[in-house]
Amino acid sequence: MALKTVDDLHASIVGKCPKCSGAGYQIARDEHSGQFNDCSCMTTFNEYKKYLLAGIPERFWAFNHDHFRSDFYEKNSITIGSYYLWTDELGHEALRGSGILLWSGDHGTAKSAMASLAAKQGVENGLRVRWFSGTALYDLLLRDSSFEESQVLKEVDKSELIIIDEVDKIFIPVGERKLVRARLSEFFNRIYEQLVIVVATSNCPIDDLQDYPSDIVDRMYEWDALELKGVDYRRHQSRLQKLIKTNAKKD
C-alpha cells in the first residue's frame, strides 16, 4: 500500500519499530542520567519524510548507486560519471536554470532510478524538490486548464529542482486539448523564468518530439541529453526472480 501522508509514514516506520516500541526514542545507556536518545527509526523517518513531501516514488527511497548492475556501469560509464559530477553540484548557483534529459530507446534502462538519485541529492543539499510523472502531470494540467489559478504553476514557483519522469508522455499533439497545451507551455516557461533545475527522463530523444509544441521542444534543446544504453533491466530482473523461484520449487 502506498504511503500518502506523513502520519502513514510515521506509523509504518516508527510505529512498527521493535527497538523503541513506537516511542521514537530510547533511554540512554546510563539509565540514571534521565536522558533519551532518538531511536534509529526516527533518522529513517525524517529522511523518508523529505522524500515523501517531494513526491519521490517510494520504491526509490532506499535506492542507491550500489543497486545498479555491473554491466549497466560498463555500458554507461562515461554518461554515469558526467551525471554524478553534475548531481554533486546541485545547490550551487552555477546550476540554476540547467537541465538534463536522461533518455533511452529501451524501457527498463534505469532512467527513473538515475533521476531519483538527483532528486534525493537535491533534498539532502537543501533544495526544494518536486517529482512529477509524465502521466500525473498531464492529469494535473487537465484539471488546471479550467481554473484561472494553476496549482501546477504554484508548485513550480516554490521548487528549485523538478523531476519529470517520462516527459515524453505529457506532450499533446498539435490541435488536441488547446487549453492543456497552453498550460503545458506556461509550465515550461515558468521553469525557464524561475531558473528551476530540471531532470527529465524520456523513452526517445528530443529529435523525436518534433510533432509536439515547438516552444517546449526549444526549451528542451537547452538541456544536456544523456543516453543510457543497455538491456531491459527490469525484465531481466523479473525473469531472474522467476527462474530462482522455479529452481527453488524443484529442489
Foldseek 3Di string as FASTA:
>chain_A
DFDQDLVSLLCVQLCPDPVVNNPQWAQPPPNVVPDIGGDVSVVLSVLVNLCNVQVQGPVQSPDDPVPDDPVLCVQAVVLVVVLVVVLVCQPPPVLQLAEEEEEALAAQLCLSNSVVVSQSSNVVSPFRHHEAEQVRVLVLLVVQLVPPDRPLLVSLVRGQEYEYEAVVNNFDFPPPPVSSLVVVLVNLVSSNVRSHYYYYYHNDDLVVCVRGDPSNSVSVVRYHYGYRDDHNVVVVVVVVVVVVVVVVVVD
